[in-house]
Each structure stands twice: as C-alpha cells, then as structure tokens.
Amino acid sequence: MARNKTSKAWMQEHVTDHYVKRAQAEGMRSRAAYKLEQLAERDRLLRPGMVVVDLGAAPGGWSQVASRALGGQGRVIAVDLLEMVPLNGVSFIQGDFADDEILVAVEQILGVGGADLVLSDMAPNITGVAVVDQARSIGLAELALDFAVNHLNVNGNFLVKVFQGAGFDVLVATIKLQFKQVLIRKPDASRSRSNEVYIVAKGLRSGGC
C-alpha cells in the first residue's frame, strides 16, 4: 500500500512538473534536456564543430540539446542499452559501452580524432536499497570517467551525473587528478529533493586520443 501511495505521489508530481510540461510543449524527449541546457549555458560546454559522446542517451533529451547547439557542424554519438528513436545529426549505438564490441563501434565512428565532450546522464535501476543504489551510481560514473579519459582530446570536457553519498568525494578527487577544473553543479531543472548532482570537469590534462 505504501509503495502504491508513493507511485501515485510521484505520478502527480510528474504530470504537474514545469519542465515536464515544457518538454511536451517544445517537443523535447525528456525534462532532463533542460538540465543539460542549463549546465551547458553556465559552463559553455557546447559549441558548433564539436564531437560529443552522449553515454546513457535514451530517450534522447541530451542528444537533442547537443545536436541543436552544434547547428549541423560537428557530430553527436549516442550510446544506450535501450532503444532510441533516431535523431537528425545523431549517430546512435545500442548496447553497453562497457562491452568491447560496443566500445569498438564507438571508436570506429570517432575515427582518428577523439571527442571534445563526453556526457553521462546514466543512472542505475533504483532498487530502493540506498547502499546498493549509491554504489551503482558511483560505478557508472567511474565507467564514464574511464571512457572520457581514454577518448577525449587534450583539453576536452566531461559532464557526469552522480548521486551524493558514499564514494562521492573519492570520485571527485579522482576526476581532479585528470582535469584542470572540476565544478559541482545542481541545475534548476533538477528536482530539489533529489540527491543527484552533476560534475563538470574541464580541460583534460592529457588526451586519450
């Protein structure tokens, strides 16, 4: 019964949410699109001509924002386990980027040049067990970081979502070893009750490509 009440409360919040309504009105695939929009504007993450990799892309809100910002100049490569409806200007690969086969596919699209920006809005399937969910969140962020370090060009940037909690400070410290500037952001589009934050890491010290 408690779970049912929680689900109803979440649904009520969702359907009345300002960003959900805005996404529907503006044809965006998710309210999360506005998180990237706000982050990118504040920290100047997107510009025409970039090569962007969007990890955990489905349903495509972040790829939409990135593609529009590139204005037809540059490339967006999106990766997700789930299927994603095609987007103009976006190359989509379905699968787990941690798998060698998927990694090779991404590398083939990247070609000889690396990425200028790696995005990750990945989140674990929530179990309701805080310790488990937190560990999975950190694990996904670490996978994204490893990909970024190995596939970004020198001075490339990295944006990753993570839940605050156990392992967060260690992750931030690790990222600081690889990037010149590391910032913690919580965009207005993030729900206030959520413990998600975004780590903006700018200027990879030594490019993987």
N, C-alpha and C. Protein backbone atom coordinates (compact mmCIF):
# COMPACT_ATOMS: atom_id res chain seq x y z
N MET A 1 0.83 -1.20 0.00
CA MET A 1 0.00 0.00 0.00
C MET A 1 0.88 1.26 0.00
N ALA A 2 1.94 1.26 0.81
CA ALA A 2 2.83 2.42 0.87
C ALA A 2 3.48 2.67 -0.48
N ARG A 3 3.89 1.58 -1.17
CA ARG A 3 4.51 1.71 -2.48
C ARG A 3 3.53 2.33 -3.47
N ASN A 4 2.26 1.89 -3.38
CA ASN A 4 1.24 2.42 -4.28
C ASN A 4 1.03 3.92 -4.07
N LYS A 5 1.01 4.34 -2.79
CA LYS A 5 0.85 5.76 -2.47
C LYS A 5 2.04 6.55 -3.00
N THR A 6 3.24 5.99 -2.86
CA THR A 6 4.45 6.66 -3.34
C THR A 6 4.40 6.82 -4.85
N SER A 7 3.97 5.77 -5.56
CA SER A 7 3.88 5.82 -7.01
C SER A 7 2.88 6.88 -7.47
N LYS A 8 1.74 6.96 -6.78
CA LYS A 8 0.73 7.95 -7.13
C LYS A 8 1.26 9.37 -6.89
N ALA A 9 1.98 9.55 -5.79
CA ALA A 9 2.53 10.86 -5.47
C ALA A 9 3.55 11.28 -6.52
N TRP A 10 4.39 10.31 -6.95
CA TRP A 10 5.40 10.61 -7.97
C TRP A 10 4.72 10.98 -9.28
N MET A 11 3.70 10.23 -9.66
CA MET A 11 3.00 10.50 -10.91
C MET A 11 2.33 11.87 -10.89
N GLN A 12 1.74 12.22 -9.74
CA GLN A 12 1.11 13.53 -9.62
C GLN A 12 2.14 14.65 -9.76
N GLU A 13 3.28 14.46 -9.12
CA GLU A 13 4.36 15.45 -9.22
C GLU A 13 4.85 15.55 -10.66
N HIS A 14 4.96 14.39 -11.32
CA HIS A 14 5.50 14.34 -12.67
C HIS A 14 4.60 15.09 -13.65
N VAL A 15 3.31 14.82 -13.61
CA VAL A 15 2.40 15.41 -14.60
C VAL A 15 2.21 16.91 -14.38
N THR A 16 2.48 17.39 -13.17
CA THR A 16 2.33 18.82 -12.90
C THR A 16 3.67 19.56 -12.95
N ASP A 17 4.75 18.85 -13.22
CA ASP A 17 6.09 19.41 -13.22
C ASP A 17 6.26 20.42 -14.37
N HIS A 18 6.82 21.58 -14.04
CA HIS A 18 7.02 22.64 -15.02
C HIS A 18 7.84 22.17 -16.20
N TYR A 19 8.95 21.46 -15.93
CA TYR A 19 9.83 21.04 -17.01
C TYR A 19 9.25 19.90 -17.83
N VAL A 20 8.42 19.06 -17.22
CA VAL A 20 7.73 18.02 -17.98
C VAL A 20 6.78 18.67 -18.98
N LYS A 21 6.01 19.65 -18.50
CA LYS A 21 5.07 20.36 -19.38
C LYS A 21 5.83 21.10 -20.48
N ARG A 22 6.94 21.71 -20.12
CA ARG A 22 7.72 22.45 -21.11
C ARG A 22 8.29 21.52 -22.17
N ALA A 23 8.79 20.36 -21.74
CA ALA A 23 9.33 19.38 -22.68
C ALA A 23 8.26 18.92 -23.67
N GLN A 24 7.07 18.68 -23.16
CA GLN A 24 5.97 18.26 -24.03
C GLN A 24 5.61 19.35 -25.03
N ALA A 25 5.58 20.60 -24.56
CA ALA A 25 5.21 21.72 -25.42
C ALA A 25 6.27 22.01 -26.47
N GLU A 26 7.54 21.80 -26.13
CA GLU A 26 8.64 22.15 -27.03
C GLU A 26 9.19 20.97 -27.81
N GLY A 27 8.57 19.80 -27.63
CA GLY A 27 9.00 18.63 -28.39
C GLY A 27 10.31 18.03 -27.94
N MET A 28 10.67 18.26 -26.70
CA MET A 28 11.89 17.65 -26.15
C MET A 28 11.56 16.25 -25.63
N ARG A 29 12.51 15.37 -25.68
CA ARG A 29 12.25 13.98 -25.34
C ARG A 29 12.22 13.71 -23.84
N SER A 30 12.73 14.61 -23.06
CA SER A 30 12.70 14.42 -21.61
C SER A 30 12.93 15.75 -20.92
N ARG A 31 12.48 15.83 -19.65
CA ARG A 31 12.74 17.04 -18.87
C ARG A 31 14.23 17.21 -18.60
N ALA A 32 14.97 16.09 -18.69
CA ALA A 32 16.41 16.16 -18.45
C ALA A 32 17.12 17.03 -19.47
N ALA A 33 16.49 17.26 -20.61
CA ALA A 33 17.10 18.11 -21.63
C ALA A 33 17.43 19.49 -21.06
N TYR A 34 16.58 19.97 -20.17
CA TYR A 34 16.79 21.31 -19.62
C TYR A 34 17.93 21.35 -18.61
N LYS A 35 18.24 20.20 -18.03
CA LYS A 35 19.41 20.13 -17.15
C LYS A 35 20.67 20.40 -17.96
N LEU A 36 20.79 19.70 -19.09
CA LEU A 36 21.97 19.91 -19.92
C LEU A 36 21.98 21.32 -20.50
N GLU A 37 20.83 21.79 -20.91
CA GLU A 37 20.74 23.14 -21.46
C GLU A 37 21.27 24.17 -20.46
N GLN A 38 20.87 24.04 -19.20
CA GLN A 38 21.29 24.97 -18.16
C GLN A 38 22.77 24.82 -17.83
N LEU A 39 23.23 23.58 -17.75
CA LEU A 39 24.63 23.32 -17.45
C LEU A 39 25.54 23.82 -18.58
N ALA A 40 25.14 23.53 -19.80
CA ALA A 40 25.95 23.91 -20.96
C ALA A 40 26.04 25.42 -21.10
N GLU A 41 24.94 26.11 -20.81
CA GLU A 41 24.96 27.57 -20.90
C GLU A 41 25.84 28.17 -19.81
N ARG A 42 25.74 27.65 -18.61
CA ARG A 42 26.52 28.20 -17.50
C ARG A 42 28.02 27.99 -17.68
N ASP A 43 28.39 26.79 -18.15
CA ASP A 43 29.81 26.45 -18.24
C ASP A 43 30.34 26.38 -19.66
N ARG A 44 29.53 26.84 -20.62
CA ARG A 44 29.96 26.94 -22.01
C ARG A 44 30.52 25.61 -22.53
N LEU A 45 29.70 24.60 -22.44
CA LEU A 45 30.15 23.25 -22.78
C LEU A 45 29.94 22.89 -24.25
N LEU A 46 28.99 23.54 -24.91
CA LEU A 46 28.63 23.16 -26.28
C LEU A 46 28.88 24.31 -27.25
N ARG A 47 29.42 23.95 -28.41
CA ARG A 47 29.63 24.94 -29.46
C ARG A 47 29.69 24.20 -30.81
N PRO A 48 29.40 24.89 -31.89
CA PRO A 48 29.45 24.26 -33.21
C PRO A 48 30.82 23.67 -33.51
N GLY A 49 30.82 22.53 -34.20
CA GLY A 49 32.06 21.89 -34.62
C GLY A 49 32.58 20.83 -33.68
N MET A 50 31.95 20.66 -32.53
CA MET A 50 32.43 19.69 -31.54
C MET A 50 32.05 18.26 -31.91
N VAL A 51 32.80 17.32 -31.35
CA VAL A 51 32.43 15.91 -31.37
C VAL A 51 32.00 15.55 -29.95
N VAL A 52 30.73 15.16 -29.80
CA VAL A 52 30.15 14.91 -28.48
C VAL A 52 29.74 13.45 -28.38
N VAL A 53 30.07 12.81 -27.27
CA VAL A 53 29.61 11.45 -26.99
C VAL A 53 28.65 11.51 -25.82
N ASP A 54 27.46 10.98 -26.01
CA ASP A 54 26.39 11.00 -25.00
C ASP A 54 26.15 9.58 -24.51
N LEU A 55 26.64 9.29 -23.31
CA LEU A 55 26.52 7.95 -22.73
C LEU A 55 25.23 7.84 -21.92
N GLY A 56 24.48 6.77 -22.12
CA GLY A 56 23.20 6.63 -21.45
C GLY A 56 22.20 7.61 -22.04
N ALA A 57 22.12 7.65 -23.36
CA ALA A 57 21.45 8.74 -24.06
C ALA A 57 19.92 8.65 -24.08
N ALA A 58 19.36 7.44 -24.12
CA ALA A 58 17.91 7.30 -24.28
C ALA A 58 17.16 7.99 -23.15
N PRO A 59 16.04 8.62 -23.47
CA PRO A 59 15.32 8.66 -24.75
C PRO A 59 15.84 9.69 -25.74
N GLY A 60 16.87 10.47 -25.36
CA GLY A 60 17.49 11.35 -26.33
C GLY A 60 17.44 12.83 -26.03
N GLY A 61 17.00 13.21 -24.84
CA GLY A 61 16.90 14.63 -24.50
C GLY A 61 18.23 15.35 -24.58
N TRP A 62 19.28 14.74 -24.03
CA TRP A 62 20.59 15.39 -24.05
C TRP A 62 21.14 15.45 -25.47
N SER A 63 20.94 14.39 -26.24
CA SER A 63 21.41 14.39 -27.63
C SER A 63 20.70 15.46 -28.44
N GLN A 64 19.42 15.68 -28.16
CA GLN A 64 18.67 16.75 -28.82
C GLN A 64 19.32 18.11 -28.56
N VAL A 65 19.60 18.38 -27.30
CA VAL A 65 20.20 19.66 -26.93
C VAL A 65 21.57 19.82 -27.58
N ALA A 66 22.38 18.77 -27.52
CA ALA A 66 23.73 18.82 -28.09
C ALA A 66 23.68 19.04 -29.60
N SER A 67 22.81 18.30 -30.28
CA SER A 67 22.71 18.41 -31.73
C SER A 67 22.28 19.81 -32.15
N ARG A 68 21.32 20.38 -31.44
CA ARG A 68 20.86 21.74 -31.76
C ARG A 68 21.97 22.76 -31.54
N ALA A 69 22.74 22.57 -30.46
CA ALA A 69 23.82 23.51 -30.16
C ALA A 69 24.92 23.45 -31.21
N LEU A 70 25.14 22.27 -31.78
CA LEU A 70 26.18 22.11 -32.80
C LEU A 70 25.75 22.73 -34.13
N GLY A 71 24.45 22.87 -34.33
CA GLY A 71 23.94 23.54 -35.52
C GLY A 71 24.38 22.93 -36.84
N GLY A 72 24.49 21.60 -36.86
CA GLY A 72 24.89 20.93 -38.09
C GLY A 72 26.38 20.90 -38.32
N GLN A 73 27.14 21.47 -37.41
CA GLN A 73 28.60 21.47 -37.51
C GLN A 73 29.16 20.65 -36.35
N GLY A 74 29.64 19.45 -36.64
CA GLY A 74 30.12 18.55 -35.61
C GLY A 74 29.32 17.27 -35.60
N ARG A 75 29.53 16.47 -34.57
CA ARG A 75 28.86 15.17 -34.50
C ARG A 75 28.44 14.85 -33.08
N VAL A 76 27.33 14.13 -32.96
CA VAL A 76 26.90 13.60 -31.68
C VAL A 76 26.80 12.09 -31.82
N ILE A 77 27.47 11.39 -30.93
CA ILE A 77 27.43 9.93 -30.90
C ILE A 77 26.74 9.52 -29.61
N ALA A 78 25.61 8.86 -29.73
CA ALA A 78 24.80 8.49 -28.57
C ALA A 78 24.86 6.99 -28.34
N VAL A 79 24.94 6.60 -27.07
CA VAL A 79 25.04 5.18 -26.70
C VAL A 79 24.07 4.89 -25.57
N ASP A 80 23.33 3.79 -25.69
CA ASP A 80 22.45 3.38 -24.59
C ASP A 80 22.08 1.91 -24.75
N LEU A 81 21.81 1.28 -23.61
CA LEU A 81 21.31 -0.10 -23.63
C LEU A 81 19.92 -0.18 -24.25
N LEU A 82 19.14 0.88 -24.04
CA LEU A 82 17.76 0.92 -24.53
C LEU A 82 17.71 1.46 -25.95
N GLU A 83 16.65 1.11 -26.65
CA GLU A 83 16.45 1.62 -28.00
C GLU A 83 16.14 3.12 -27.94
N MET A 84 16.57 3.84 -28.96
CA MET A 84 16.30 5.28 -29.03
C MET A 84 15.81 5.62 -30.43
N VAL A 85 14.71 6.34 -30.49
CA VAL A 85 14.18 6.78 -31.78
C VAL A 85 15.22 7.68 -32.44
N PRO A 86 15.51 7.49 -33.74
CA PRO A 86 16.56 8.26 -34.42
C PRO A 86 16.37 9.77 -34.31
N LEU A 87 17.49 10.47 -34.25
CA LEU A 87 17.52 11.92 -34.22
C LEU A 87 18.41 12.43 -35.34
N ASN A 88 18.01 13.49 -36.00
CA ASN A 88 18.85 14.09 -37.03
C ASN A 88 20.16 14.56 -36.42
N GLY A 89 21.25 14.21 -37.09
CA GLY A 89 22.55 14.66 -36.63
C GLY A 89 23.14 13.84 -35.51
N VAL A 90 22.49 12.73 -35.16
CA VAL A 90 22.96 11.90 -34.05
C VAL A 90 23.17 10.46 -34.53
N SER A 91 24.37 9.93 -34.30
CA SER A 91 24.66 8.53 -34.58
C SER A 91 24.41 7.73 -33.32
N PHE A 92 23.50 6.75 -33.39
CA PHE A 92 23.13 6.01 -32.19
C PHE A 92 23.64 4.58 -32.24
N ILE A 93 24.21 4.14 -31.12
CA ILE A 93 24.68 2.76 -30.96
C ILE A 93 23.96 2.17 -29.76
N GLN A 94 23.24 1.07 -29.98
CA GLN A 94 22.54 0.43 -28.87
C GLN A 94 23.39 -0.67 -28.27
N GLY A 95 23.61 -0.57 -26.97
CA GLY A 95 24.41 -1.57 -26.27
C GLY A 95 25.11 -0.95 -25.07
N ASP A 96 25.85 -1.76 -24.35
CA ASP A 96 26.58 -1.34 -23.15
C ASP A 96 27.97 -0.90 -23.56
N PHE A 97 28.28 0.39 -23.39
CA PHE A 97 29.57 0.89 -23.84
C PHE A 97 30.73 0.26 -23.08
N ALA A 98 30.44 -0.42 -21.97
CA ALA A 98 31.49 -1.13 -21.24
C ALA A 98 31.88 -2.42 -21.96
N ASP A 99 31.04 -2.89 -22.89
CA ASP A 99 31.36 -4.08 -23.67
C ASP A 99 32.34 -3.73 -24.78
N ASP A 100 33.31 -4.59 -25.00
CA ASP A 100 34.34 -4.33 -26.01
C ASP A 100 33.74 -4.09 -27.39
N GLU A 101 32.72 -4.86 -27.74
CA GLU A 101 32.10 -4.74 -29.07
C GLU A 101 31.50 -3.35 -29.28
N ILE A 102 30.83 -2.84 -28.26
CA ILE A 102 30.22 -1.52 -28.36
C ILE A 102 31.29 -0.43 -28.35
N LEU A 103 32.30 -0.62 -27.53
CA LEU A 103 33.41 0.34 -27.47
C LEU A 103 34.08 0.47 -28.83
N VAL A 104 34.29 -0.66 -29.49
CA VAL A 104 34.91 -0.64 -30.83
C VAL A 104 34.02 0.12 -31.81
N ALA A 105 32.71 -0.09 -31.71
CA ALA A 105 31.78 0.61 -32.60
C ALA A 105 31.85 2.11 -32.40
N VAL A 106 31.94 2.54 -31.14
CA VAL A 106 32.06 3.97 -30.86
C VAL A 106 33.38 4.50 -31.41
N GLU A 107 34.44 3.76 -31.21
CA GLU A 107 35.76 4.18 -31.68
C GLU A 107 35.81 4.28 -33.20
N GLN A 108 35.09 3.40 -33.88
CA GLN A 108 35.05 3.45 -35.34
C GLN A 108 34.36 4.72 -35.83
N ILE A 109 33.29 5.12 -35.14
CA ILE A 109 32.60 6.35 -35.52
C ILE A 109 33.46 7.57 -35.18
N LEU A 110 34.15 7.52 -34.05
CA LEU A 110 35.03 8.63 -33.68
C LEU A 110 36.15 8.81 -34.70
N GLY A 111 36.64 7.69 -35.24
CA GLY A 111 37.72 7.77 -36.20
C GLY A 111 39.03 8.17 -35.54
N VAL A 112 39.88 8.83 -36.31
CA VAL A 112 41.22 9.15 -35.79
C VAL A 112 41.17 10.25 -34.74
N GLY A 113 40.17 11.10 -34.81
CA GLY A 113 40.06 12.16 -33.82
C GLY A 113 39.26 11.68 -32.61
N GLY A 114 39.50 12.27 -31.48
CA GLY A 114 38.77 11.91 -30.28
C GLY A 114 37.54 12.79 -30.10
N ALA A 115 36.98 12.73 -28.92
CA ALA A 115 35.81 13.54 -28.58
C ALA A 115 36.24 14.84 -27.91
N ASP A 116 35.41 15.86 -28.05
CA ASP A 116 35.65 17.13 -27.38
C ASP A 116 34.88 17.22 -26.06
N LEU A 117 33.78 16.45 -25.99
CA LEU A 117 32.94 16.47 -24.79
C LEU A 117 32.30 15.10 -24.61
N VAL A 118 32.41 14.55 -23.41
CA VAL A 118 31.73 13.30 -23.06
C VAL A 118 30.68 13.63 -22.01
N LEU A 119 29.44 13.22 -22.30
CA LEU A 119 28.32 13.43 -21.40
C LEU A 119 27.86 12.10 -20.83
N SER A 120 27.44 12.11 -19.58
CA SER A 120 26.84 10.91 -18.99
C SER A 120 25.74 11.30 -18.02
N ASP A 121 24.52 10.98 -18.40
CA ASP A 121 23.37 11.18 -17.53
C ASP A 121 22.86 9.83 -17.03
N MET A 122 23.75 8.84 -17.06
CA MET A 122 23.36 7.48 -16.66
C MET A 122 22.98 7.42 -15.18
N ALA A 123 22.01 6.58 -14.91
CA ALA A 123 21.61 6.33 -13.53
C ALA A 123 21.28 4.84 -13.40
N PRO A 124 21.53 4.25 -12.25
CA PRO A 124 21.24 2.83 -12.07
C PRO A 124 19.75 2.58 -11.96
N ASN A 125 19.35 1.35 -12.24
CA ASN A 125 17.98 0.95 -11.93
C ASN A 125 17.83 0.98 -10.41
N ILE A 126 16.91 1.80 -9.93
CA ILE A 126 16.78 2.00 -8.49
C ILE A 126 16.17 0.77 -7.81
N THR A 127 16.89 0.29 -6.79
CA THR A 127 16.42 -0.89 -6.05
C THR A 127 15.66 -0.47 -4.79
N GLY A 128 15.90 0.76 -4.33
CA GLY A 128 15.32 1.20 -3.07
C GLY A 128 16.24 0.95 -1.90
N VAL A 129 17.32 0.21 -2.15
CA VAL A 129 18.33 -0.04 -1.12
C VAL A 129 19.43 1.01 -1.33
N ALA A 130 19.49 1.97 -0.43
CA ALA A 130 20.35 3.14 -0.63
C ALA A 130 21.81 2.78 -0.89
N VAL A 131 22.34 1.84 -0.12
CA VAL A 131 23.76 1.47 -0.26
C VAL A 131 24.02 0.90 -1.66
N VAL A 132 23.12 0.07 -2.12
CA VAL A 132 23.26 -0.56 -3.43
C VAL A 132 23.15 0.49 -4.54
N ASP A 133 22.14 1.33 -4.43
CA ASP A 133 21.91 2.35 -5.46
C ASP A 133 23.07 3.33 -5.55
N GLN A 134 23.62 3.71 -4.39
CA GLN A 134 24.74 4.63 -4.38
C GLN A 134 25.97 4.00 -5.02
N ALA A 135 26.24 2.76 -4.68
CA ALA A 135 27.40 2.07 -5.24
C ALA A 135 27.28 1.95 -6.76
N ARG A 136 26.09 1.68 -7.23
CA ARG A 136 25.87 1.57 -8.68
C ARG A 136 26.03 2.90 -9.37
N SER A 137 25.57 3.97 -8.73
CA SER A 137 25.72 5.30 -9.29
C SER A 137 27.19 5.66 -9.45
N ILE A 138 27.97 5.41 -8.41
CA ILE A 138 29.40 5.70 -8.46
C ILE A 138 30.07 4.83 -9.52
N GLY A 139 29.66 3.57 -9.60
CA GLY A 139 30.23 2.66 -10.59
C GLY A 139 30.01 3.14 -12.01
N LEU A 140 28.81 3.61 -12.31
CA LEU A 140 28.52 4.13 -13.65
C LEU A 140 29.35 5.39 -13.94
N ALA A 141 29.49 6.25 -12.94
CA ALA A 141 30.29 7.46 -13.12
C ALA A 141 31.75 7.11 -13.38
N GLU A 142 32.24 6.09 -12.71
CA GLU A 142 33.63 5.66 -12.92
C GLU A 142 33.83 5.10 -14.32
N LEU A 143 32.84 4.36 -14.81
CA LEU A 143 32.92 3.84 -16.18
C LEU A 143 32.95 4.98 -17.19
N ALA A 144 32.10 5.97 -16.96
CA ALA A 144 32.05 7.12 -17.85
C ALA A 144 33.37 7.90 -17.81
N LEU A 145 33.93 8.04 -16.61
CA LEU A 145 35.21 8.74 -16.46
C LEU A 145 36.31 8.00 -17.21
N ASP A 146 36.35 6.70 -17.09
CA ASP A 146 37.37 5.91 -17.78
C ASP A 146 37.27 6.10 -19.29
N PHE A 147 36.02 6.08 -19.78
CA PHE A 147 35.81 6.30 -21.21
C PHE A 147 36.29 7.69 -21.60
N ALA A 148 35.93 8.69 -20.81
CA ALA A 148 36.31 10.07 -21.12
C ALA A 148 37.82 10.25 -21.16
N VAL A 149 38.49 9.74 -20.16
CA VAL A 149 39.95 9.91 -20.08
C VAL A 149 40.64 9.27 -21.28
N ASN A 150 40.08 8.18 -21.77
CA ASN A 150 40.71 7.45 -22.87
C ASN A 150 40.27 7.91 -24.26
N HIS A 151 39.22 8.72 -24.33
CA HIS A 151 38.70 9.09 -25.65
C HIS A 151 38.53 10.59 -25.88
N LEU A 152 38.78 11.39 -24.87
CA LEU A 152 38.74 12.84 -25.06
C LEU A 152 40.05 13.34 -25.64
N ASN A 153 39.96 14.41 -26.40
CA ASN A 153 41.15 15.10 -26.84
C ASN A 153 41.73 15.90 -25.66
N VAL A 154 42.98 16.32 -25.80
CA VAL A 154 43.57 17.18 -24.77
C VAL A 154 42.69 18.42 -24.61
N ASN A 155 42.46 18.78 -23.36
CA ASN A 155 41.59 19.91 -23.00
C ASN A 155 40.11 19.63 -23.23
N GLY A 156 39.76 18.38 -23.50
CA GLY A 156 38.35 18.01 -23.64
C GLY A 156 37.63 18.09 -22.30
N ASN A 157 36.30 18.12 -22.37
CA ASN A 157 35.48 18.28 -21.17
C ASN A 157 34.60 17.07 -20.90
N PHE A 158 34.17 16.95 -19.65
CA PHE A 158 33.42 15.78 -19.19
C PHE A 158 32.32 16.25 -18.25
N LEU A 159 31.11 15.75 -18.47
CA LEU A 159 29.97 16.07 -17.61
C LEU A 159 29.29 14.78 -17.20
N VAL A 160 29.15 14.56 -15.89
CA VAL A 160 28.60 13.29 -15.42
C VAL A 160 27.65 13.51 -14.25
N LYS A 161 26.54 12.78 -14.27
CA LYS A 161 25.61 12.79 -13.15
C LYS A 161 26.02 11.75 -12.13
N VAL A 162 25.87 12.10 -10.86
CA VAL A 162 26.18 11.15 -9.79
C VAL A 162 25.34 11.50 -8.57
N PHE A 163 25.06 10.50 -7.75
CA PHE A 163 24.33 10.74 -6.50
C PHE A 163 25.34 11.05 -5.40
N GLN A 164 25.02 12.02 -4.58
CA GLN A 164 25.88 12.33 -3.45
C GLN A 164 25.72 11.24 -2.39
N GLY A 165 26.85 10.87 -1.78
CA GLY A 165 26.82 9.82 -0.78
C GLY A 165 28.17 9.13 -0.74
N ALA A 166 28.20 7.90 -0.27
CA ALA A 166 29.45 7.16 -0.15
C ALA A 166 30.15 7.07 -1.50
N GLY A 167 31.43 7.38 -1.50
CA GLY A 167 32.24 7.29 -2.70
C GLY A 167 32.29 8.57 -3.52
N PHE A 168 31.43 9.52 -3.20
CA PHE A 168 31.35 10.75 -3.99
C PHE A 168 32.65 11.55 -3.90
N ASP A 169 33.14 11.78 -2.69
CA ASP A 169 34.35 12.59 -2.50
C ASP A 169 35.56 11.94 -3.18
N VAL A 170 35.64 10.63 -3.11
CA VAL A 170 36.75 9.92 -3.76
C VAL A 170 36.67 10.09 -5.27
N LEU A 171 35.45 9.98 -5.81
CA LEU A 171 35.27 10.17 -7.25
C LEU A 171 35.69 11.56 -7.69
N VAL A 172 35.28 12.58 -6.94
CA VAL A 172 35.64 13.96 -7.27
C VAL A 172 37.16 14.13 -7.23
N ALA A 173 37.79 13.56 -6.23
CA ALA A 173 39.24 13.66 -6.10
C ALA A 173 39.94 12.99 -7.29
N THR A 174 39.40 11.87 -7.73
CA THR A 174 39.96 11.16 -8.88
C THR A 174 39.83 11.99 -10.15
N ILE A 175 38.66 12.61 -10.33
CA ILE A 175 38.44 13.44 -11.50
C ILE A 175 39.39 14.64 -11.50
N LYS A 176 39.65 15.20 -10.32
CA LYS A 176 40.54 16.36 -10.22
C LYS A 176 41.97 16.02 -10.64
N LEU A 177 42.35 14.77 -10.54
CA LEU A 177 43.67 14.37 -10.98
C LEU A 177 43.79 14.40 -12.50
N GLN A 178 42.65 14.27 -13.19
CA GLN A 178 42.65 14.16 -14.64
C GLN A 178 42.30 15.47 -15.36
N PHE A 179 41.58 16.36 -14.67
CA PHE A 179 41.11 17.58 -15.31
C PHE A 179 41.60 18.83 -14.57
N LYS A 180 41.72 19.92 -15.32
CA LYS A 180 42.26 21.14 -14.75
C LYS A 180 41.26 21.86 -13.84
N GLN A 181 39.97 21.74 -14.15
CA GLN A 181 38.95 22.43 -13.35
C GLN A 181 37.77 21.49 -13.13
N VAL A 182 37.33 21.35 -11.90
CA VAL A 182 36.21 20.47 -11.57
C VAL A 182 35.19 21.25 -10.73
N LEU A 183 33.96 21.24 -11.20
CA LEU A 183 32.89 22.00 -10.57
C LEU A 183 31.72 21.09 -10.24
N ILE A 184 31.04 21.35 -9.14
CA ILE A 184 29.85 20.59 -8.76
C ILE A 184 28.64 21.48 -9.02
N ARG A 185 27.70 20.98 -9.81
CA ARG A 185 26.54 21.77 -10.19
C ARG A 185 25.24 21.02 -9.89
N LYS A 186 24.21 21.79 -9.59
CA LYS A 186 22.85 21.26 -9.49
C LYS A 186 21.94 22.22 -10.23
N PRO A 187 21.62 21.92 -11.47
CA PRO A 187 20.82 22.86 -12.27
C PRO A 187 19.41 23.02 -11.72
N ASP A 188 18.77 24.12 -12.06
CA ASP A 188 17.42 24.39 -11.58
C ASP A 188 16.44 23.28 -12.00
N ALA A 189 16.72 22.64 -13.13
CA ALA A 189 15.82 21.60 -13.63
C ALA A 189 15.91 20.31 -12.82
N SER A 190 16.91 20.17 -11.97
CA SER A 190 16.98 19.01 -11.07
C SER A 190 15.95 19.21 -9.96
N ARG A 191 15.25 18.16 -9.61
CA ARG A 191 14.28 18.26 -8.52
C ARG A 191 15.03 18.49 -7.21
N SER A 192 14.54 19.41 -6.41
CA SER A 192 15.24 19.81 -5.18
C SER A 192 15.41 18.66 -4.21
N ARG A 193 14.46 17.72 -4.19
CA ARG A 193 14.55 16.62 -3.24
C ARG A 193 15.53 15.53 -3.69
N SER A 194 15.96 15.59 -4.95
CA SER A 194 16.89 14.59 -5.47
C SER A 194 18.30 14.86 -4.98
N ASN A 195 19.05 13.78 -4.70
CA ASN A 195 20.43 13.97 -4.28
C ASN A 195 21.40 13.86 -5.45
N GLU A 196 20.86 13.98 -6.67
CA GLU A 196 21.74 13.98 -7.84
C GLU A 196 22.43 15.32 -7.98
N VAL A 197 23.67 15.28 -8.40
CA VAL A 197 24.42 16.48 -8.77
C VAL A 197 25.18 16.14 -10.04
N TYR A 198 25.71 17.18 -10.66
CA TYR A 198 26.48 17.00 -11.89
C TYR A 198 27.89 17.51 -11.68
N ILE A 199 28.84 16.70 -12.09
CA ILE A 199 30.25 17.08 -12.02
C ILE A 199 30.67 17.58 -13.40
N VAL A 200 31.10 18.81 -13.45
CA VAL A 200 31.60 19.40 -14.68
C VAL A 200 33.12 19.43 -14.59
N ALA A 201 33.78 18.67 -15.48
CA ALA A 201 35.23 18.60 -15.46
C ALA A 201 35.75 19.19 -16.78
N LYS A 202 36.56 20.22 -16.66
CA LYS A 202 37.00 20.94 -17.84
C LYS A 202 38.52 20.86 -18.01
N GLY A 203 38.95 20.61 -19.24
CA GLY A 203 40.36 20.62 -19.56
C GLY A 203 41.09 19.35 -19.19
N LEU A 204 40.88 18.28 -19.95
CA LEU A 204 41.62 17.03 -19.70
C LEU A 204 43.11 17.30 -19.81
N ARG A 205 43.84 16.85 -18.83
CA ARG A 205 45.27 17.15 -18.77
C ARG A 205 46.07 16.46 -19.88
N SER A 206 45.72 15.23 -20.20
CA SER A 206 46.43 14.52 -21.28
C SER A 206 45.42 13.68 -22.03
N GLY A 207 45.19 13.99 -23.28
CA GLY A 207 44.14 13.33 -24.05
C GLY A 207 44.42 11.88 -24.32
N GLY A 208 43.34 11.10 -24.36
CA GLY A 208 43.47 9.68 -24.70
C GLY A 208 43.60 9.48 -26.19
N CYS A 209 43.31 10.53 -26.98
CA CYS A 209 43.36 10.42 -28.43
C CYS A 209 44.35 11.43 -29.00
